[in-house]
Amino acid sequence: MYFSSNLKLLRKRKKRTQDDVAFAIKVPRPTYSGYENGVSMPAIETLIKLSDYYSVSIDALLRLDMSVMTESQLRNIETGNDVYIKGSNLRVLQSTVDK
């Protein structure tokens, strides 16, 4: 899981302080600091707020190592072209069932 490192990376890319983000998602700054330092994990409601704040899917926040992404990949995610939000990784499998 890359949650804590992704939070820190996204916050720095937005040029925000921990205070700024904590205020925006309505949690105390020490709580947000705990998320970035990997000391604690947020509740699902807070994950949703973080996802909305950074315009990144929860899945991307948790599972993608954003530190190894290229600048263009990060820009795509930040501008709303997150493959997990858009669904471009979805496949539809068709099957036939007889009577």
Protein backbone atom coordinates (compact mmCIF):
# COMPACT_ATOMS: atom_id res chain seq x y z
CA MET A 1 0.00 0.00 0.00
CA TYR A 2 1.29 3.42 -1.00
CA PHE A 3 -1.30 5.55 0.77
CA SER A 4 0.94 7.62 3.05
CA SER A 5 3.60 8.36 0.43
CA ASN A 6 0.92 9.23 -2.15
CA LEU A 7 -0.73 11.68 0.23
CA LYS A 8 2.55 13.45 0.84
CA LEU A 9 3.41 13.54 -2.87
CA LEU A 10 0.01 14.89 -3.91
CA ARG A 11 0.01 17.50 -1.15
CA LYS A 12 3.45 18.76 -2.16
CA ARG A 13 2.47 18.84 -5.83
CA LYS A 14 -0.47 21.07 -4.90
CA LYS A 15 1.87 23.20 -2.79
CA ARG A 16 -0.32 22.81 0.28
CA THR A 17 0.60 22.42 3.92
CA GLN A 18 -0.72 19.70 6.18
CA ASP A 19 -2.80 22.39 7.87
CA ASP A 20 -4.40 23.33 4.53
CA VAL A 21 -5.41 19.77 3.71
CA ALA A 22 -6.53 18.94 7.24
CA PHE A 23 -8.75 22.03 7.30
CA ALA A 24 -10.22 21.19 3.87
CA ILE A 25 -11.15 17.63 4.85
CA LYS A 26 -12.16 18.64 8.38
CA VAL A 27 -9.71 16.62 10.48
CA PRO A 28 -7.13 17.86 13.02
CA ARG A 29 -3.66 18.46 11.59
CA PRO A 30 -2.02 15.82 13.83
CA THR A 31 -4.52 13.29 12.48
CA TYR A 32 -3.64 14.15 8.89
CA SER A 33 0.05 14.00 9.78
CA GLY A 34 -0.56 10.48 11.07
CA TYR A 35 -1.98 9.50 7.68
CA GLU A 36 1.09 10.83 5.87
CA ASN A 37 3.48 9.16 8.31
CA GLY A 38 1.71 5.81 8.07
CA VAL A 39 0.80 5.83 11.76
CA SER A 40 -2.95 5.62 11.16
CA MET A 41 -5.48 4.99 8.41
CA PRO A 42 -8.56 7.15 7.88
CA ALA A 43 -12.15 6.01 8.02
CA ILE A 44 -13.91 5.47 4.69
CA GLU A 45 -15.63 8.88 4.95
CA THR A 46 -12.24 10.58 5.21
CA LEU A 47 -10.85 8.47 2.33
CA ILE A 48 -13.71 9.77 0.19
CA LYS A 49 -12.91 13.36 1.20
CA LEU A 50 -9.22 12.84 0.35
CA SER A 51 -10.15 11.27 -2.96
CA ASP A 52 -12.35 14.26 -3.79
CA TYR A 53 -9.77 16.77 -2.59
CA TYR A 54 -6.99 15.35 -4.76
CA SER A 55 -9.33 14.27 -7.62
CA VAL A 56 -7.89 10.78 -7.48
CA SER A 57 -9.76 7.52 -6.96
CA ILE A 58 -9.46 5.76 -3.61
CA ASP A 59 -8.04 2.77 -5.44
CA ALA A 60 -5.28 4.92 -6.95
CA LEU A 61 -4.52 6.50 -3.56
CA LEU A 62 -4.09 3.09 -1.98
CA ARG A 63 -2.62 0.90 -4.71
CA LEU A 64 -0.56 2.96 -7.15
CA ASP A 65 3.02 3.94 -6.38
CA MET A 66 2.78 7.52 -7.62
CA SER A 67 6.43 8.16 -6.79
CA VAL A 68 7.51 6.11 -9.82
CA MET A 69 5.03 7.64 -12.24
CA THR A 70 6.13 10.00 -14.97
CA GLU A 71 5.13 13.64 -14.88
CA SER A 72 2.57 13.10 -17.64
CA GLN A 73 1.01 10.13 -15.82
CA LEU A 74 0.68 12.20 -12.64
CA ARG A 75 -0.80 15.10 -14.58
CA ASN A 76 -3.33 12.75 -16.17
CA ILE A 77 -4.41 11.48 -12.77
CA GLU A 78 -4.61 14.99 -11.31
CA THR A 79 -6.69 16.33 -14.21
CA GLY A 80 -9.33 13.68 -13.77
CA ASN A 81 -8.05 11.12 -16.27
CA ASP A 82 -7.59 8.53 -13.56
CA VAL A 83 -8.14 5.13 -15.18
CA TYR A 84 -9.88 3.88 -12.04
CA ILE A 85 -12.40 6.73 -12.17
CA LYS A 86 -12.95 6.61 -15.93
CA GLY A 87 -13.23 2.83 -16.01
CA SER A 88 -10.80 2.29 -18.89
CA ASN A 89 -9.43 -0.78 -17.12
CA LEU A 90 -12.84 -2.45 -17.21
CA ARG A 91 -13.49 -5.41 -19.47
CA VAL A 92 -16.88 -6.76 -20.37
CA LEU A 93 -16.97 -10.51 -20.71
CA GLN A 94 -19.90 -11.96 -22.58
CA SER A 95 -21.20 -15.42 -21.98
CA THR A 96 -24.06 -17.37 -23.45
CA VAL A 97 -26.43 -19.36 -21.29
CA ASP A 98 -28.74 -21.90 -22.85
CA LYS A 99 -32.41 -22.23 -21.94
